[in-house]
């Protein structure tokens, strides 16, 4: 391997891995911070609450954190795909297959999360106490659908990243300019 090909290869690998780790840490920090915020479910109101009053969707901070985690996984996947593109047994795998599986997992994850967002959530009960000014605070437990949906999204981002990294690594080996 000549010096001309080795230097850009290491630079791309380090840049993708460093950027991926930075995005992962930023996303994890945002998700952790958002999970520490309390949600008030009841604030001592004397008015009956309608059934559709509550919405337990993710906050904007949670969505941004999860998106950063997904992009970090994809960037680390680019680094892994770029690194492994030089191995003989990896060269036989089609990048279109890996990217297709990544898209399939992304669609599966989005479908599971969308389906779960329209399911009825139960979180407890309220006792009749008109003279109390108490607040009820609580946490909701996750069902299996959002857990598997987030795992599928992570695998989808990883598949897209690895496929793109393999394509870049193969282009570099053939001497083409990286796009």
Protein backbone atom coordinates (compact mmCIF):
# COMPACT_ATOMS: atom_id res chain seq x y z
CA UNK A 1 0.00 0.00 0.00
CA UNK A 2 1.53 3.28 -1.02
CA UNK A 3 1.76 6.27 1.26
CA UNK A 4 -0.65 8.26 -0.93
CA UNK A 5 -3.47 5.77 -0.42
CA UNK A 6 -2.74 5.05 3.27
CA UNK A 7 -2.98 8.63 4.61
CA UNK A 8 -6.46 9.56 3.32
CA UNK A 9 -7.69 6.14 4.40
CA UNK A 10 -6.63 6.69 8.00
CA UNK A 11 -7.95 10.26 7.96
CA UNK A 12 -11.39 9.17 6.72
CA UNK A 13 -11.50 6.34 9.26
CA UNK A 14 -10.52 8.59 12.18
CA UNK A 15 -12.87 11.38 11.11
CA UNK A 16 -15.88 9.10 10.72
CA UNK A 17 -15.22 7.30 13.99
CA UNK A 18 -14.55 10.54 15.92
CA UNK A 19 -17.64 12.22 14.49
CA UNK A 20 -19.72 9.12 15.27
CA UNK A 21 -18.56 8.96 18.89
CA UNK A 22 -19.19 12.70 19.29
CA UNK A 23 -22.74 12.34 17.93
CA UNK A 24 -23.38 9.30 20.13
CA UNK A 25 -22.23 11.13 23.27
CA UNK A 26 -24.29 14.22 22.42
CA UNK A 27 -27.38 12.11 21.76
CA UNK A 28 -26.96 10.06 24.93
CA UNK A 29 -26.53 13.27 26.94
CA UNK A 30 -29.73 14.76 25.49
CA UNK A 31 -31.74 11.57 26.09
CA UNK A 32 -30.41 11.32 29.66
CA UNK A 33 -31.21 14.99 30.38
CA UNK A 34 -34.72 14.61 28.99
CA UNK A 35 -35.33 11.48 31.06
CA UNK A 36 -34.51 13.43 34.22
CA UNK A 37 -37.33 15.94 33.62
CA UNK A 38 -40.48 15.33 35.65
CA UNK A 39 -43.88 15.20 34.00
CA UNK A 40 -46.89 16.39 35.97
CA UNK A 41 -49.89 14.16 35.33
CA UNK A 42 -52.29 15.84 37.77
CA UNK A 43 -52.11 19.27 39.39
CA UNK A 44 -55.05 19.29 41.84
CA UNK A 45 -57.74 20.45 39.43
CA UNK A 46 -61.39 20.21 40.43
CA UNK A 47 -62.49 19.83 36.82
CA UNK A 48 -62.90 16.32 35.44
CA UNK A 49 -60.27 15.42 32.91
CA UNK A 50 -61.32 14.16 29.50
CA UNK A 51 -59.96 10.88 28.24
CA UNK A 52 -57.99 12.50 25.41
CA UNK A 53 -56.36 15.14 27.65
CA UNK A 54 -53.06 13.32 27.99
CA UNK A 55 -50.52 12.80 25.26
CA UNK A 56 -47.40 10.87 26.13
CA UNK A 57 -45.37 11.41 23.02
CA UNK A 58 -41.65 12.09 23.04
CA UNK A 59 -40.44 15.62 23.62
CA UNK A 60 -38.44 17.52 21.02
CA UNK A 61 -35.30 17.00 23.11
CA UNK A 62 -35.87 13.24 23.17
CA UNK A 63 -36.42 13.13 19.39
CA UNK A 64 -33.27 15.19 18.76
CA UNK A 65 -31.24 13.00 21.12
CA UNK A 66 -32.43 9.81 19.47
CA UNK A 67 -31.71 11.25 16.03
CA UNK A 68 -28.17 12.15 17.12
CA UNK A 69 -27.69 8.62 18.45
CA UNK A 70 -28.90 7.20 15.11
CA UNK A 71 -26.55 9.44 13.13
CA UNK A 72 -23.70 8.52 15.48
CA UNK A 73 -24.40 4.83 14.87
CA UNK A 74 -24.42 5.50 11.11
CA UNK A 75 -21.10 7.38 11.28
CA UNK A 76 -19.50 4.56 13.27
CA UNK A 77 -20.94 2.17 10.68
CA UNK A 78 -19.25 4.19 7.93
CA UNK A 79 -15.95 3.83 9.78
CA UNK A 80 -16.48 0.08 10.24
CA UNK A 81 -17.52 -0.46 6.62
CA UNK A 82 -14.57 1.60 5.37
CA UNK A 83 -12.19 -0.33 7.60
CA UNK A 84 -13.48 -3.77 6.59
CA UNK A 85 -13.77 -3.02 2.87
CA UNK A 86 -10.21 -4.24 2.31
CA UNK A 87 -10.91 -7.79 3.52
CA UNK A 88 -11.41 -10.40 0.82
CA UNK A 89 -14.52 -12.09 2.23
CA UNK A 90 -16.23 -8.72 2.79
CA UNK A 91 -15.61 -7.68 -0.83
CA UNK A 92 -18.03 -10.35 -2.01
CA UNK A 93 -20.97 -8.82 -0.11
CA UNK A 94 -23.06 -6.43 -2.15
CA UNK A 95 -23.33 -2.92 -0.76
CA UNK A 96 -26.83 -2.70 -2.25
CA UNK A 97 -27.85 -5.67 -0.09
CA UNK A 98 -26.52 -4.03 3.08
CA UNK A 99 -28.13 -0.68 2.25
CA UNK A 100 -31.39 -2.44 1.35
CA UNK A 101 -31.42 -4.25 4.69
CA UNK A 102 -30.70 -0.92 6.40
CA UNK A 103 -33.66 0.71 4.68
CA UNK A 104 -35.84 -2.29 5.54
CA UNK A 105 -34.89 -2.04 9.22
CA UNK A 106 -35.49 1.74 9.19
CA UNK A 107 -38.97 1.25 7.75
CA UNK A 108 -39.70 -1.53 10.26
CA UNK A 109 -38.59 0.67 13.16
CA UNK A 110 -40.61 3.67 11.96
CA UNK A 111 -43.65 1.44 11.47
CA UNK A 112 -43.39 -0.04 14.96
CA UNK A 113 -42.95 3.36 16.59
CA UNK A 114 -45.82 4.85 14.57
CA UNK A 115 -48.10 1.92 15.46
CA UNK A 116 -47.21 2.20 19.14
CA UNK A 117 -47.92 5.93 19.20
CA UNK A 118 -51.59 5.24 18.38
CA UNK A 119 -52.09 2.64 21.11
CA UNK A 120 -54.02 3.50 24.28
CA UNK A 121 -51.69 4.02 27.23
CA UNK A 122 -52.78 3.38 30.80
CA UNK A 123 -50.81 4.93 33.60
CA UNK A 124 -52.86 4.55 36.78
CA UNK A 125 -55.94 6.02 38.43
CA UNK A 126 -56.95 9.18 40.26
CA UNK A 127 -58.83 9.15 43.55
CA UNK A 128 -61.50 11.74 44.23
CA UNK A 129 -59.94 14.32 46.55
CA UNK A 130 -61.40 17.76 45.75
CA UNK A 131 -59.80 19.56 48.68
CA UNK A 132 -56.27 18.32 48.17
CA UNK A 133 -53.73 20.27 46.19
CA UNK A 134 -51.52 17.27 45.61
CA UNK A 135 -49.70 16.51 42.41
CA UNK A 136 -49.45 13.04 40.96
CA UNK A 137 -46.19 12.41 39.16
CA UNK A 138 -45.30 9.18 37.53
CA UNK A 139 -43.40 7.26 34.92
CA UNK A 140 -44.75 5.20 32.07
CA UNK A 141 -43.31 1.82 31.23
CA UNK A 142 -42.47 1.00 27.65
CA UNK A 143 -44.11 -1.84 25.77
CA UNK A 144 -42.15 -4.14 23.48
CA UNK A 145 -43.08 -2.26 20.28
CA UNK A 146 -41.05 0.93 20.94
CA UNK A 147 -38.13 -1.10 22.25
CA UNK A 148 -37.99 -3.28 19.14
CA UNK A 149 -38.71 -0.22 16.99
CA UNK A 150 -35.70 1.63 18.37
CA UNK A 151 -33.50 -1.44 17.97
CA UNK A 152 -34.65 -1.74 14.33
CA UNK A 153 -33.92 1.96 13.75
CA UNK A 154 -30.42 1.50 15.19
CA UNK A 155 -29.80 -1.51 12.95
CA UNK A 156 -31.13 0.46 9.99
CA UNK A 157 -28.78 3.38 10.63
CA UNK A 158 -25.92 0.91 11.10
CA UNK A 159 -26.75 -0.85 7.83
CA UNK A 160 -26.84 2.40 5.90
CA UNK A 161 -23.55 3.51 7.44
CA UNK A 162 -21.75 0.21 6.82
CA UNK A 163 -23.01 0.10 3.23
CA UNK A 164 -21.77 3.61 2.54
CA UNK A 165 -18.43 2.88 4.23
CA UNK A 166 -17.95 -0.25 2.14
CA UNK A 167 -18.71 1.72 -1.02
CA UNK A 168 -16.17 4.42 -0.08
CA UNK A 169 -13.53 1.83 0.79
CA UNK A 170 -14.00 0.01 -2.49
CA UNK A 171 -13.79 3.25 -4.46
CA UNK A 172 -10.56 4.14 -2.71
CA UNK A 173 -9.07 0.74 -3.53
CA UNK A 174 -9.85 1.12 -7.21
CA UNK A 175 -8.35 4.62 -7.17
CA UNK A 176 -11.59 6.54 -7.81
CA UNK A 177 -12.10 9.89 -6.15
CA UNK A 178 -14.28 9.82 -3.01
CA UNK A 179 -17.64 11.51 -3.43
